[in-house]
PDB file of N, CA and C in Angstrom:
ATOM      1  N   UNK A   1      17.401-143.949  -6.903  1.00  0.00           N
ATOM      2  CA  UNK A   1      16.881-143.785  -6.552  1.00  0.00           C
ATOM      3  C   UNK A   1      17.070-143.638  -4.791  1.00  0.00           C
ATOM      4  N   UNK A   2      18.224-144.405  -4.519  1.00  0.00           N
ATOM      5  CA  UNK A   2      18.850-143.799  -3.374  1.00  0.00           C
ATOM      6  C   UNK A   2      19.405-142.184  -3.240  1.00  0.00           C
ATOM      7  N   UNK A   3      19.849-141.919  -4.170  1.00  0.00           N
ATOM      8  CA  UNK A   3      19.931-140.411  -4.547  1.00  0.00           C
ATOM      9  C   UNK A   3      18.804-139.329  -4.561  1.00  0.00           C
ATOM     10  N   UNK A   4      17.554-139.788  -5.584  1.00  0.00           N
ATOM     11  CA  UNK A   4      16.749-138.826  -5.066  1.00  0.00           C
ATOM     12  C   UNK A   4      15.873-139.351  -3.600  1.00  0.00           C
ATOM     13  N   UNK A   5      16.164-140.092  -3.200  1.00  0.00           N
ATOM     14  CA  UNK A   5      15.662-140.133  -1.732  1.00  0.00           C
ATOM     15  C   UNK A   5      16.483-139.025  -0.528  1.00  0.00           C
ATOM     16  N   UNK A   6      18.036-139.455  -0.880  1.00  0.00           N
ATOM     17  CA  UNK A   6      18.692-139.013  -0.141  1.00  0.00           C
ATOM     18  C   UNK A   6      18.619-137.050  -0.429  1.00  0.00           C
ATOM     19  N   UNK A   7      18.060-136.903  -1.546  1.00  0.00           N
ATOM     20  CA  UNK A   7      18.113-135.036  -2.128  1.00  0.00           C
ATOM     21  C   UNK A   7      16.537-134.818  -1.089  1.00  0.00           C
ATOM     22  N   UNK A   8      15.562-135.911  -1.398  1.00  0.00           N
ATOM     23  CA  UNK A   8      14.126-134.987  -0.931  1.00  0.00           C
ATOM     24  C   UNK A   8      14.289-135.295   0.639  1.00  0.00           C
ATOM     25  N   UNK A   9      15.297-135.770   1.057  1.00  0.00           N
ATOM     26  CA  UNK A   9      15.509-135.673   2.959  1.00  0.00           C
ATOM     27  C   UNK A   9      16.076-134.780   3.110  1.00  0.00           C
ATOM     28  N   UNK A  10      17.559-134.232   2.307  1.00  0.00           N
ATOM     29  CA  UNK A  10      18.072-133.399   2.350  1.00  0.00           C
ATOM     30  C   UNK A  10      17.494-132.127   2.481  1.00  0.00           C
ATOM     31  N   UNK A  11      16.336-131.765   0.984  1.00  0.00           N
ATOM     32  CA  UNK A  11      15.299-131.000   0.875  1.00  0.00           C
ATOM     33  C   UNK A  11      14.646-130.612   2.172  1.00  0.00           C
ATOM     34  N   UNK A  12      13.853-131.397   2.447  1.00  0.00           N
ATOM     35  CA  UNK A  12      12.970-131.092   3.898  1.00  0.00           C
ATOM     36  C   UNK A  12      13.634-130.735   5.061  1.00  0.00           C
ATOM     37  N   UNK A  13      14.937-131.360   5.416  1.00  0.00           N
ATOM     38  CA  UNK A  13      15.222-131.207   6.417  1.00  0.00           C
ATOM     39  C   UNK A  13      16.045-129.539   6.311  1.00  0.00           C
ATOM     40  N   UNK A  14      16.305-128.832   5.384  1.00  0.00           N
ATOM     41  CA  UNK A  14      17.104-127.800   4.658  1.00  0.00           C
ATOM     42  C   UNK A  14      15.533-126.662   5.090  1.00  0.00           C
ATOM     43  N   UNK A  15      14.406-126.874   4.888  1.00  0.00           N
ATOM     44  CA  UNK A  15      13.032-126.131   4.463  1.00  0.00           C
ATOM     45  C   UNK A  15      12.843-126.596   6.315  1.00  0.00           C
ATOM     46  N   UNK A  16      13.051-127.128   6.787  1.00  0.00           N
ATOM     47  CA  UNK A  16      12.909-127.722   8.060  1.00  0.00           C
ATOM     48  C   UNK A  16      13.660-126.326   9.421  1.00  0.00           C
ATOM     49  N   UNK A  17      14.980-126.408   8.548  1.00  0.00           N
ATOM     50  CA  UNK A  17      16.093-125.336   9.550  1.00  0.00           C
ATOM     51  C   UNK A  17      15.267-123.915   9.461  1.00  0.00           C
ATOM     52  N   UNK A  18      15.239-123.513   7.883  1.00  0.00           N
ATOM     53  CA  UNK A  18      15.175-122.346   7.435  1.00  0.00           C
ATOM     54  C   UNK A  18      13.343-121.690   7.606  1.00  0.00           C
ATOM     55  N   UNK A  19      12.857-122.534   7.872  1.00  0.00           N
ATOM     56  CA  UNK A  19      11.289-122.471   8.283  1.00  0.00           C
ATOM     57  C   UNK A  19      10.928-121.430  10.061  1.00  0.00           C
ATOM     58  N   UNK A  20      12.234-121.990  11.169  1.00  0.00           N
ATOM     59  CA  UNK A  20      11.548-121.645  12.335  1.00  0.00           C
ATOM     60  C   UNK A  20      11.691-120.106  12.386  1.00  0.00           C
ATOM     61  N   UNK A  21      10.974-119.996  13.488  1.00  0.00           N
ATOM     62  CA  UNK A  21      10.965-118.293  13.722  1.00  0.00           C
ATOM     63  C   UNK A  21      12.063-118.147  14.468  1.00  0.00           C
ATOM     64  N   UNK A  22      13.238-116.787  14.333  1.00  0.00           N
ATOM     65  CA  UNK A  22      13.871-116.829  15.476  1.00  0.00           C
ATOM     66  C   UNK A  22      13.603-116.132  16.491  1.00  0.00           C
ATOM     67  N   UNK A  23      13.605-116.559  17.848  1.00  0.00           N
ATOM     68  CA  UNK A  23      13.452-115.962  19.029  1.00  0.00           C
ATOM     69  C   UNK A  23      14.031-114.228  19.052  1.00  0.00           C
ATOM     70  N   UNK A  24      13.599-113.746  19.641  1.00  0.00           N
ATOM     71  CA  UNK A  24      14.238-112.599  19.756  1.00  0.00           C
ATOM     72  C   UNK A  24      13.837-112.540  21.384  1.00  0.00           C
ATOM     73  N   UNK A  25      14.551-111.933  22.047  1.00  0.00           N
ATOM     74  CA  UNK A  25      14.339-111.780  23.271  1.00  0.00           C
ATOM     75  C   UNK A  25      13.509-109.924  23.728  1.00  0.00           C
ATOM     76  N   UNK A  26      13.103-110.255  24.727  1.00  0.00           N
ATOM     77  CA  UNK A  26      11.644-109.158  25.048  1.00  0.00           C
ATOM     78  C   UNK A  26      12.835-107.756  25.177  1.00  0.00           C
ATOM     79  N   UNK A  27      14.194-108.040  25.582  1.00  0.00           N
ATOM     80  CA  UNK A  27      15.064-106.819  25.610  1.00  0.00           C
ATOM     81  C   UNK A  27      15.167-106.158  24.400  1.00  0.00           C
ATOM     82  N   UNK A  28      15.645-107.012  23.583  1.00  0.00           N
ATOM     83  CA  UNK A  28      15.588-106.750  22.234  1.00  0.00           C
ATOM     84  C   UNK A  28      13.992-106.261  21.550  1.00  0.00           C
ATOM     85  N   UNK A  29      13.327-106.673  21.638  1.00  0.00           N
ATOM     86  CA  UNK A  29      11.783-106.612  21.177  1.00  0.00           C
ATOM     87  C   UNK A  29      10.932-105.260  21.407  1.00  0.00           C
ATOM     88  N   UNK A  30      11.176-104.806  22.400  1.00  0.00           N
ATOM     89  CA  UNK A  30      11.051-103.938  22.951  1.00  0.00           C
ATOM     90  C   UNK A  30      11.512-102.593  22.448  1.00  0.00           C
ATOM     91  N   UNK A  31      12.458-102.215  21.854  1.00  0.00           N
ATOM     92  CA  UNK A  31      13.582-101.099  21.535  1.00  0.00           C
ATOM     93  C   UNK A  31      12.534-100.477  20.332  1.00  0.00           C
ATOM     94  N   UNK A  32      12.357 -99.494  20.067  1.00  0.00           N
ATOM     95  CA  UNK A  32      12.043 -98.616  19.482  1.00  0.00           C
ATOM     96  C   UNK A  32      10.410 -97.626  19.658  1.00  0.00           C
ATOM     97  N   UNK A  33       9.648 -97.124  19.050  1.00  0.00           N
ATOM     98  CA  UNK A  33       8.745 -96.840  19.070  1.00  0.00           C
ATOM     99  C   UNK A  33       7.226 -97.248  19.259  1.00  0.00           C
ATOM    100  N   UNK A  34       6.363 -97.091  20.410  1.00  0.00           N
ATOM    101  CA  UNK A  34       5.133 -97.441  20.139  1.00  0.00           C
ATOM    102  C   UNK A  34       4.008 -96.705  20.749  1.00  0.00           C
ATOM    103  N   UNK A  35       3.212 -96.902  19.849  1.00  0.00           N
ATOM    104  CA  UNK A  35       1.838 -96.034  20.104  1.00  0.00           C
ATOM    105  C   UNK A  35       0.896 -96.395  20.847  1.00  0.00           C
ATOM    106  N   UNK A  36       0.328 -95.874  21.842  1.00  0.00           N
ATOM    107  CA  UNK A  36      -0.522 -96.371  22.703  1.00  0.00           C
ATOM    108  C   UNK A  36      -2.019 -96.217  21.554  1.00  0.00           C
ATOM    109  N   UNK A  37      -2.751 -98.001  22.028  1.00  0.00           N
ATOM    110  CA  UNK A  37      -3.432 -97.904  21.397  1.00  0.00           C
ATOM    111  C   UNK A  37      -4.795 -98.373  22.065  1.00  0.00           C
ATOM    112  N   UNK A  38      -5.119 -98.730  23.353  1.00  0.00           N
ATOM    113  CA  UNK A  38      -5.784 -99.322  24.063  1.00  0.00           C
ATOM    114  C   UNK A  38      -5.887 -99.925  25.322  1.00  0.00           C
ATOM    115  N   UNK A  39      -6.990 -99.895  25.851  1.00  0.00           N
ATOM    116  CA  UNK A  39      -6.464-100.165  27.289  1.00  0.00           C
ATOM    117  C   UNK A  39      -7.923-101.348  27.137  1.00  0.00           C
ATOM    118  N   UNK A  40      -7.275-102.263  28.481  1.00  0.00           N
ATOM    119  CA  UNK A  40      -8.256-103.580  28.463  1.00  0.00           C
ATOM    120  C   UNK A  40      -8.349-104.641  29.577  1.00  0.00           C
ATOM    121  N   UNK A  41      -9.304-105.598  29.141  1.00  0.00           N
ATOM    122  CA  UNK A  41      -9.170-106.845  30.353  1.00  0.00           C
ATOM    123  C   UNK A  41      -8.912-107.951  28.805  1.00  0.00           C
ATOM    124  N   UNK A  42      -7.688-108.486  28.539  1.00  0.00           N
ATOM    125  CA  UNK A  42      -8.164-109.281  27.507  1.00  0.00           C
ATOM    126  C   UNK A  42      -8.400-108.864  26.384  1.00  0.00           C
ATOM    127  N   UNK A  43      -9.171-107.552  25.706  1.00  0.00           N
ATOM    128  CA  UNK A  43      -9.304-107.175  24.673  1.00  0.00           C
ATOM    129  C   UNK A  43      -8.941-105.587  24.879  1.00  0.00           C
ATOM    130  N   UNK A  44      -8.801-105.022  23.690  1.00  0.00           N
ATOM    131  CA  UNK A  44      -8.706-103.675  23.367  1.00  0.00           C
ATOM    132  C   UNK A  44      -9.817-102.552  23.781  1.00  0.00           C
ATOM    133  N   UNK A  45     -10.111-102.068  24.254  1.00  0.00           N
ATOM    134  CA  UNK A  45     -11.035-100.914  24.448  1.00  0.00           C
ATOM    135  C   UNK A  45     -10.669 -99.591  23.633  1.00  0.00           C
ATOM    136  N   UNK A  46     -11.110 -98.966  23.315  1.00  0.00           N
ATOM    137  CA  UNK A  46     -10.819 -97.780  22.521  1.00  0.00           C
ATOM    138  C   UNK A  46     -10.508 -96.212  23.506  1.00  0.00           C
ATOM    139  N   UNK A  47      -9.440 -96.193  23.599  1.00  0.00           N
ATOM    140  CA  UNK A  47      -9.104 -95.054  24.426  1.00  0.00           C
ATOM    141  C   UNK A  47     -10.206 -93.732  23.739  1.00  0.00           C
ATOM    142  N   UNK A  48     -10.407 -92.913  25.004  1.00  0.00           N
ATOM    143  CA  UNK A  48     -11.172 -91.501  24.411  1.00  0.00           C
ATOM    144  C   UNK A  48     -10.106 -90.627  24.849  1.00  0.00           C
ATOM    145  N   UNK A  49      -9.769 -90.142  23.252  1.00  0.00           N
ATOM    146  CA  UNK A  49      -8.809 -88.702  23.217  1.00  0.00           C
ATOM    147  C   UNK A  49      -7.670 -88.908  24.072  1.00  0.00           C
ATOM    148  N   UNK A  50      -6.763 -90.059  24.534  1.00  0.00           N
ATOM    149  CA  UNK A  50      -5.631 -89.854  24.777  1.00  0.00           C
ATOM    150  C   UNK A  50      -4.735 -90.350  23.934  1.00  0.00           C
ATOM    151  N   UNK A  51      -3.942 -90.037  23.336  1.00  0.00           N
ATOM    152  CA  UNK A  51      -2.735 -90.165  22.306  1.00  0.00           C
ATOM    153  C   UNK A  51      -1.474 -90.090  22.555  1.00  0.00           C
ATOM    154  N   UNK A  52      -0.485 -90.574  22.886  1.00  0.00           N
ATOM    155  CA  UNK A  52       0.605 -90.699  22.846  1.00  0.00           C
ATOM    156  C   UNK A  52       1.907 -91.942  22.566  1.00  0.00           C
ATOM    157  N   UNK A  53       2.915 -92.014  22.512  1.00  0.00           N
ATOM    158  CA  UNK A  53       3.281 -92.897  22.179  1.00  0.00           C
ATOM    159  C   UNK A  53       5.185 -93.320  23.415  1.00  0.00           C
ATOM    160  N   UNK A  54       5.669 -93.868  23.236  1.00  0.00           N
ATOM    161  CA  UNK A  54       6.631 -94.436  24.006  1.00  0.00           C
ATOM    162  C   UNK A  54       7.671 -94.949  23.430  1.00  0.00           C
ATOM    163  N   UNK A  55       8.943 -94.261  23.399  1.00  0.00           N
ATOM    164  CA  UNK A  55       9.838 -94.564  22.480  1.00  0.00           C
ATOM    165  C   UNK A  55      11.119 -95.641  23.945  1.00  0.00           C
ATOM    166  N   UNK A  56      11.131 -96.680  23.760  1.00  0.00           N
ATOM    167  CA  UNK A  56      12.241 -97.866  24.780  1.00  0.00           C
ATOM    168  C   UNK A  56      13.933 -97.248  23.968  1.00  0.00           C
ATOM    169  N   UNK A  57      14.730 -97.048  24.317  1.00  0.00           N
ATOM    170  CA  UNK A  57      16.081 -96.932  24.068  1.00  0.00           C
ATOM    171  C   UNK A  57      17.104 -97.785  24.242  1.00  0.00           C
ATOM    172  N   UNK A  58      18.147 -98.341  23.445  1.00  0.00           N
ATOM    173  CA  UNK A  58      19.353 -99.306  24.279  1.00  0.00           C
ATOM    174  C   UNK A  58      19.858 -99.051  25.525  1.00  0.00           C
ATOM    175  N   UNK A  59      19.713 -97.494  25.886  1.00  0.00           N
ATOM    176  CA  UNK A  59      20.336 -97.409  27.265  1.00  0.00           C
ATOM    177  C   UNK A  59      19.349 -97.592  28.433  1.00  0.00           C
ATOM    178  N   UNK A  60      18.258 -98.189  28.080  1.00  0.00           N
ATOM    179  CA  UNK A  60      16.845 -98.035  29.172  1.00  0.00           C
ATOM    180  C   UNK A  60      16.825 -96.830  29.748  1.00  0.00           C
ATOM    181  N   UNK A  61      16.561 -96.009  28.726  1.00  0.00           N
ATOM    182  CA  UNK A  61      15.789 -94.525  28.879  1.00  0.00           C
ATOM    183  C   UNK A  61      14.671 -94.802  28.069  1.00  0.00           C
ATOM    184  N   UNK A  62      13.490 -94.256  28.833  1.00  0.00           N
ATOM    185  CA  UNK A  62      12.117 -94.620  28.082  1.00  0.00           C
ATOM    186  C   UNK A  62      11.838 -93.288  27.849  1.00  0.00           C
ATOM    187  N   UNK A  63      10.949 -92.699  26.713  1.00  0.00           N
ATOM    188  CA  UNK A  63      10.869 -91.196  25.902  1.00  0.00           C
ATOM    189  C   UNK A  63       9.201 -91.711  26.018  1.00  0.00           C
ATOM    190  N   UNK A  64       8.551 -90.937  26.865  1.00  0.00           N
ATOM    191  CA  UNK A  64       6.814 -91.037  26.649  1.00  0.00           C
ATOM    192  C   UNK A  64       6.963 -89.358  26.596  1.00  0.00           C
ATOM    193  N   UNK A  65       5.654 -88.638  25.106  1.00  0.00           N
ATOM    194  CA  UNK A  65       5.375 -88.333  24.417  1.00  0.00           C
ATOM    195  C   UNK A  65       3.875 -88.017  24.253  1.00  0.00           C
ATOM    196  N   UNK A  66       3.486 -86.970  24.837  1.00  0.00           N
ATOM    197  CA  UNK A  66       2.014 -86.939  24.314  1.00  0.00           C
ATOM    198  C   UNK A  66       1.717 -86.476  23.133  1.00  0.00           C
ATOM    199  N   UNK A  67       0.858 -86.767  22.486  1.00  0.00           N
ATOM    200  CA  UNK A  67       0.982 -85.715  21.091  1.00  0.00           C
ATOM    201  C   UNK A  67       0.186 -84.440  21.370  1.00  0.00           C
ATOM    202  N   UNK A  68      -0.979 -84.187  22.106  1.00  0.00           N
ATOM    203  CA  UNK A  68      -1.410 -83.342  22.836  1.00  0.00           C
ATOM    204  C   UNK A  68      -0.814 -82.106  22.808  1.00  0.00           C
ATOM    205  N   UNK A  69       0.425 -82.222  23.561  1.00  0.00           N
ATOM    206  CA  UNK A  69       0.883 -81.050  24.207  1.00  0.00           C
ATOM    207  C   UNK A  69       2.432 -81.228  23.739  1.00  0.00           C
ATOM    208  N   UNK A  70       2.957 -82.305  22.976  1.00  0.00           N
ATOM    209  CA  UNK A  70       4.005 -82.166  22.736  1.00  0.00           C
ATOM    210  C   UNK A  70       5.119 -82.688  23.652  1.00  0.00           C
ATOM    211  N   UNK A  71       4.793 -82.774  25.507  1.00  0.00           N
ATOM    212  CA  UNK A  71       6.225 -82.471  25.907  1.00  0.00           C
ATOM    213  C   UNK A  71       6.285 -84.052  26.092  1.00  0.00           C
ATOM    214  N   UNK A  72       7.510 -84.628  26.766  1.00  0.00           N
ATOM    215  CA  UNK A  72       8.257 -86.138  26.377  1.00  0.00           C
ATOM    216  C   UNK A  72       8.864 -85.672  28.567  1.00  0.00           C
ATOM    217  N   UNK A  73       8.454 -86.998  28.435  1.00  0.00           N
ATOM    218  CA  UNK A  73       8.847 -87.447  29.582  1.00  0.00           C
ATOM    219  C   UNK A  73      10.012 -88.145  29.390  1.00  0.00           C
ATOM    220  N   UNK A  74      11.157 -87.978  30.442  1.00  0.00           N
ATOM    221  CA  UNK A  74      11.984 -88.941  29.977  1.00  0.00           C
ATOM    222  C   UNK A  74      12.244 -89.661  31.483  1.00  0.00           C
ATOM    223  N   UNK A  75      12.235 -91.305  31.574  1.00  0.00           N
ATOM    224  CA  UNK A  75      12.620 -91.834  32.587  1.00  0.00           C
ATOM    225  C   UNK A  75      12.896 -93.585  31.866  1.00  0.00           C
ATOM    226  N   UNK A  76      13.716 -93.969  33.784  1.00  0.00           N
ATOM    227  CA  UNK A  76      14.249 -95.223  32.843  1.00  0.00           C
ATOM    228  C   UNK A  76      13.810 -96.268  33.151  1.00  0.00           C
ATOM    229  N   UNK A  77      13.683 -97.273  32.789  1.00  0.00           N
ATOM    230  CA  UNK A  77      13.442 -98.627  32.332  1.00  0.00           C
ATOM    231  C   UNK A  77      14.442 -99.900  32.904  1.00  0.00           C
ATOM    232  N   UNK A  78      14.215-100.786  33.479  1.00  0.00           N
ATOM    233  CA  UNK A  78      14.779-102.113  33.178  1.00  0.00           C
ATOM    234  C   UNK A  78      14.611-103.216  33.553  1.00  0.00           C
ATOM    235  N   UNK A  79      15.141-104.627  33.503  1.00  0.00           N
ATOM    236  CA  UNK A  79      14.354-106.009  33.596  1.00  0.00           C
ATOM    237  C   UNK A  79      14.484-106.696  34.368  1.00  0.00           C
ATOM    238  N   UNK A  80      13.871-106.780  35.181  1.00  0.00           N
ATOM    239  CA  UNK A  80      13.857-107.351  36.289  1.00  0.00           C
ATOM    240  C   UNK A  80      13.843-108.902  36.522  1.00  0.00           C
ATOM    241  N   UNK A  81      15.086-109.908  37.460  1.00  0.00           N
ATOM    242  CA  UNK A  81      15.329-111.118  37.137  1.00  0.00           C
ATOM    243  C   UNK A  81      14.664-111.856  36.566  1.00  0.00           C
ATOM    244  N   UNK A  82      13.477-111.697  37.014  1.00  0.00           N
ATOM    245  CA  UNK A  82      12.035-112.919  36.878  1.00  0.00           C
ATOM    246  C   UNK A  82      11.739-112.695  34.933  1.00  0.00           C
ATOM    247  N   UNK A  83      12.440-111.511  34.750  1.00  0.00           N
ATOM    248  CA  UNK A  83      11.509-111.018  33.232  1.00  0.00           C
ATOM    249  C   UNK A  83      10.894-109.887  32.908  1.00  0.00           C
ATOM    250  N   UNK A  84       9.904-109.752  33.895  1.00  0.00           N
ATOM    251  CA  UNK A  84       9.093-108.439  33.981  1.00  0.00           C
ATOM    252  C   UNK A  84      10.475-107.227  33.399  1.00  0.00           C
ATOM    253  N   UNK A  85       9.032-106.152  32.841  1.00  0.00           N
ATOM    254  CA  UNK A  85       9.516-105.050  32.516  1.00  0.00           C
ATOM    255  C   UNK A  85       8.872-104.370  33.751  1.00  0.00           C
ATOM    256  N   UNK A  86      10.096-103.553  34.134  1.00  0.00           N
ATOM    257  CA  UNK A  86       9.654-102.207  35.525  1.00  0.00           C
ATOM    258  C   UNK A  86       9.890-100.898  34.779  1.00  0.00           C
ATOM    259  N   UNK A  87       9.352-100.322  34.720  1.00  0.00           N
ATOM    260  CA  UNK A  87       8.788 -98.798  34.339  1.00  0.00           C
ATOM    261  C   UNK A  87       8.594 -97.529  35.408  1.00  0.00           C
ATOM    262  N   UNK A  88       9.146 -96.888  35.787  1.00  0.00           N
ATOM    263  CA  UNK A  88       8.499 -95.929  36.579  1.00  0.00           C
ATOM    264  C   UNK A  88       7.848 -96.411  38.085  1.00  0.00           C
ATOM    265  N   UNK A  89       8.469 -97.518  38.267  1.00  0.00           N
ATOM    266  CA  UNK A  89       8.452 -98.266  39.663  1.00  0.00           C
ATOM    267  C   UNK A  89       7.009 -99.055  39.589  1.00  0.00           C
ATOM    268  N   UNK A  90       6.760 -99.685  38.090  1.00  0.00           N
ATOM    269  CA  UNK A  90       5.365-100.708  37.757  1.00  0.00           C
ATOM    270  C   UNK A  90       5.988-101.240  36.996  1.00  0.00           C
ATOM    271  N   UNK A  91       5.868-102.722  37.546  1.00  0.00           N
ATOM    272  CA  UNK A  91       5.900-104.202  36.991  1.00  0.00           C
ATOM    273  C   UNK A  91       4.992-104.485  36.058  1.00  0.00           C
ATOM    274  N   UNK A  92       5.459-104.587  34.682  1.00  0.00           N
ATOM    275  CA  UNK A  92       4.591-105.241  33.604  1.00  0.00           C
ATOM    276  C   UNK A  92       5.097-106.790  33.006  1.00  0.00           C
ATOM    277  N   UNK A  93       4.206-107.700  32.893  1.00  0.00           N
ATOM    278  CA  UNK A  93       4.710-108.847  31.711  1.00  0.00           C
ATOM    279  C   UNK A  93       4.371-108.181  30.376  1.00  0.00           C
ATOM    280  N   UNK A  94       5.111-108.224  29.474  1.00  0.00           N
ATOM    281  CA  UNK A  94       5.244-107.863  28.151  1.00  0.00           C
ATOM    282  C   UNK A  94       5.042-108.830  26.972  1.00  0.00           C
ATOM    283  N   UNK A  95       4.092-108.699  26.213  1.00  0.00           N
ATOM    284  CA  UNK A  95       4.175-110.061  25.124  1.00  0.00           C
ATOM    285  C   UNK A  95       3.915-109.100  23.883  1.00  0.00           C
ATOM    286  N   UNK A  96       4.790-109.569  23.159  1.00  0.00           N
ATOM    287  CA  UNK A  96       5.052-109.348  21.929  1.00  0.00           C
ATOM    288  C   UNK A  96       4.208-110.226  20.675  1.00  0.00           C
ATOM    289  N   UNK A  97       3.305-109.611  19.732  1.00  0.00           N
ATOM    290  CA  UNK A  97       2.682-110.224  18.528  1.00  0.00           C
ATOM    291  C   UNK A  97       3.555-109.216  17.730  1.00  0.00           C
ATOM    292  N   UNK A  98       3.424-109.523  16.257  1.00  0.00           N
ATOM    293  CA  UNK A  98       3.908-108.964  15.292  1.00  0.00           C
ATOM    294  C   UNK A  98       4.538-107.889  15.229  1.00  0.00           C
ATOM    295  N   UNK A  99       3.541-106.861  15.202  1.00  0.00           N
ATOM    296  CA  UNK A  99       3.765-105.328  15.940  1.00  0.00           C
ATOM    297  C   UNK A  99       2.963-104.746  16.490  1.00  0.00           C
ATOM    298  N   UNK A 100       2.657-105.505  17.813  1.00  0.00           N
ATOM    299  CA  UNK A 100       2.072-105.129  18.575  1.00  0.00           C
ATOM    300  C   UNK A 100       2.442-105.547  19.987  1.00  0.00           C
ATOM    301  N   UNK A 101       2.345-104.817  21.333  1.00  0.00           N
ATOM    302  CA  UNK A 101       2.783-104.781  22.405  1.00  0.00           C
ATOM    303  C   UNK A 101       1.817-104.992  23.287  1.00  0.00           C
ATOM    304  N   UNK A 102       1.778-105.788  24.389  1.00  0.00           N
ATOM    305  CA  UNK A 102       0.570-105.866  25.205  1.00  0.00           C
ATOM    306  C   UNK A 102       1.557-105.647  26.609  1.00  0.00           C
ATOM    307  N   UNK A 103       1.126-104.592  27.285  1.00  0.00           N
ATOM    308  CA  UNK A 103       1.777-104.322  28.941  1.00  0.00           C
ATOM    309  C   UNK A 103       0.576-105.025  29.316  1.00  0.00           C
ATOM    310  N   UNK A 104       0.884-105.865  30.295  1.00  0.00           N
ATOM    311  CA  UNK A 104      -0.014-106.539  31.707  1.00  0.00           C
ATOM    312  C   UNK A 104       0.639-106.273  32.924  1.00  0.00           C
ATOM    313  N   UNK A 105      -0.186-105.778  33.672  1.00  0.00           N
ATOM    314  CA  UNK A 105       0.185-105.143  35.499  1.00  0.00           C
ATOM    315  C   UNK A 105       0.510-106.375  35.700  1.00  0.00           C
ATOM    316  N   UNK A 106       1.513-106.658  37.006  1.00  0.00           N
ATOM    317  CA  UNK A 106       1.664-107.609  37.053  1.00  0.00           C
ATOM    318  C   UNK A 106       1.735-107.332  38.916  1.00  0.00           C
ATOM    319  N   UNK A 107       1.764-106.485  39.611  1.00  0.00           N
ATOM    320  CA  UNK A 107       1.529-106.211  41.019  1.00  0.00           C
ATOM    321  C   UNK A 107       0.324-105.416  41.776  1.00  0.00           C
ATOM    322  N   UNK A 108      -0.311-104.858  40.815  1.00  0.00           N
ATOM    323  CA  UNK A 108      -1.559-103.929  40.452  1.00  0.00           C
ATOM    324  C   UNK A 108      -3.398-104.346  40.574  1.00  0.00           C
ATOM    325  N   UNK A 109      -3.621-104.010  41.352  1.00  0.00           N
ATOM    326  CA  UNK A 109      -5.227-104.526  41.233  1.00  0.00           C
ATOM    327  C   UNK A 109      -5.804-102.824  40.268  1.00  0.00           C
ATOM    328  N   UNK A 110      -5.868-102.840  38.854  1.00  0.00           N
ATOM    329  CA  UNK A 110      -6.520-101.877  38.159  1.00  0.00           C
ATOM    330  C   UNK A 110      -7.899-102.150  37.547  1.00  0.00           C
ATOM    331  N   UNK A 111      -8.425-101.367  37.365  1.00  0.00           N
ATOM    332  CA  UNK A 111      -9.775-101.970  36.654  1.00  0.00           C
ATOM    333  C   UNK A 111      -9.287-101.881  35.351  1.00  0.00           C
ATOM    334  N   UNK A 112      -7.981-101.468  34.730  1.00  0.00           N
ATOM    335  CA  UNK A 112      -8.088-101.814  33.388  1.00  0.00           C
ATOM    336  C   UNK A 112      -6.280-102.606  33.221  1.00  0.00           C
ATOM    337  N   UNK A 113      -6.689-104.045  33.172  1.00  0.00           N
ATOM    338  CA  UNK A 113      -5.033-104.892  33.486  1.00  0.00           C
ATOM    339  C   UNK A 113      -3.941-104.941  32.552  1.00  0.00           C
ATOM    340  N   UNK A 114      -4.807-104.459  31.063  1.00  0.00           N
ATOM    341  CA  UNK A 114      -3.399-104.258  30.173  1.00  0.00           C
ATOM    342  C   UNK A 114      -3.920-103.027  29.598  1.00  0.00           C
ATOM    343  N   UNK A 115      -2.748-102.824  28.900  1.00  0.00           N
ATOM    344  CA  UNK A 115      -2.185-101.937  27.768  1.00  0.00           C
ATOM    345  C   UNK A 115      -1.643-102.146  26.669  1.00  0.00           C
ATOM    346  N   UNK A 116      -2.164-101.490  25.259  1.00  0.00           N
ATOM    347  CA  UNK A 116      -1.560-102.112  24.247  1.00  0.00           C
ATOM    348  C   UNK A 116      -1.214-101.274  23.113  1.00  0.00           C
ATOM    349  N   UNK A 117      -0.106-101.506  22.306  1.00  0.00           N
ATOM    350  CA  UNK A 117       0.639-100.245  21.675  1.00  0.00           C
ATOM    351  C   UNK A 117       1.003-101.234  20.237  1.00  0.00           C
ATOM    352  N   UNK A 118       0.639-100.261  19.761  1.00  0.00           N
ATOM    353  CA  UNK A 118       1.297-100.865  17.971  1.00  0.00           C
ATOM    354  C   UNK A 118       2.902-100.053  17.798  1.00  0.00           C
ATOM    355  N   UNK A 119       3.958-100.802  16.963  1.00  0.00           N
ATOM    356  CA  UNK A 119       4.818-100.373  17.052  1.00  0.00           C
ATOM    357  C   UNK A 119       4.643 -98.919  15.644  1.00  0.00           C
ATOM    358  N   UNK A 120       5.538 -98.358  15.857  1.00  0.00           N
ATOM    359  CA  UNK A 120       5.368 -97.022  15.203  1.00  0.00           C
ATOM    360  C   UNK A 120       6.729 -97.329  14.139  1.00  0.00           C
ATOM    361  N   UNK A 121       6.531 -97.620  12.821  1.00  0.00           N
ATOM    362  CA  UNK A 121       7.842 -97.498  11.768  1.00  0.00           C
ATOM    363  C   UNK A 121       8.401 -96.357  11.409  1.00  0.00           C
TER     364      UNK A 121
END
């Protein structure tokens, strides 16, 4: 009986450890290509013909490409001490979901305070 109880406790302990999600830092989570899918204030507003993607590289380079023109704009991004993203002189709070990223303006009064992106695989 003691052996059975010990095995059950060991199994529960192992499952509880293996089920925990690994925390991924925003600096790692942002890397890759992100396609713009909408803007809004807490909910996604469908864009009107605006299509682009942003690619965040490990060396703090951001590639911004418009689908319609094919032009690529290269700029730098960096992480501020408070954990916010600074890109092009604008500060954002990043919120990551499974394959979606939400960028919220921090120090700006904008009509739409959030931009939404979906990861391109």
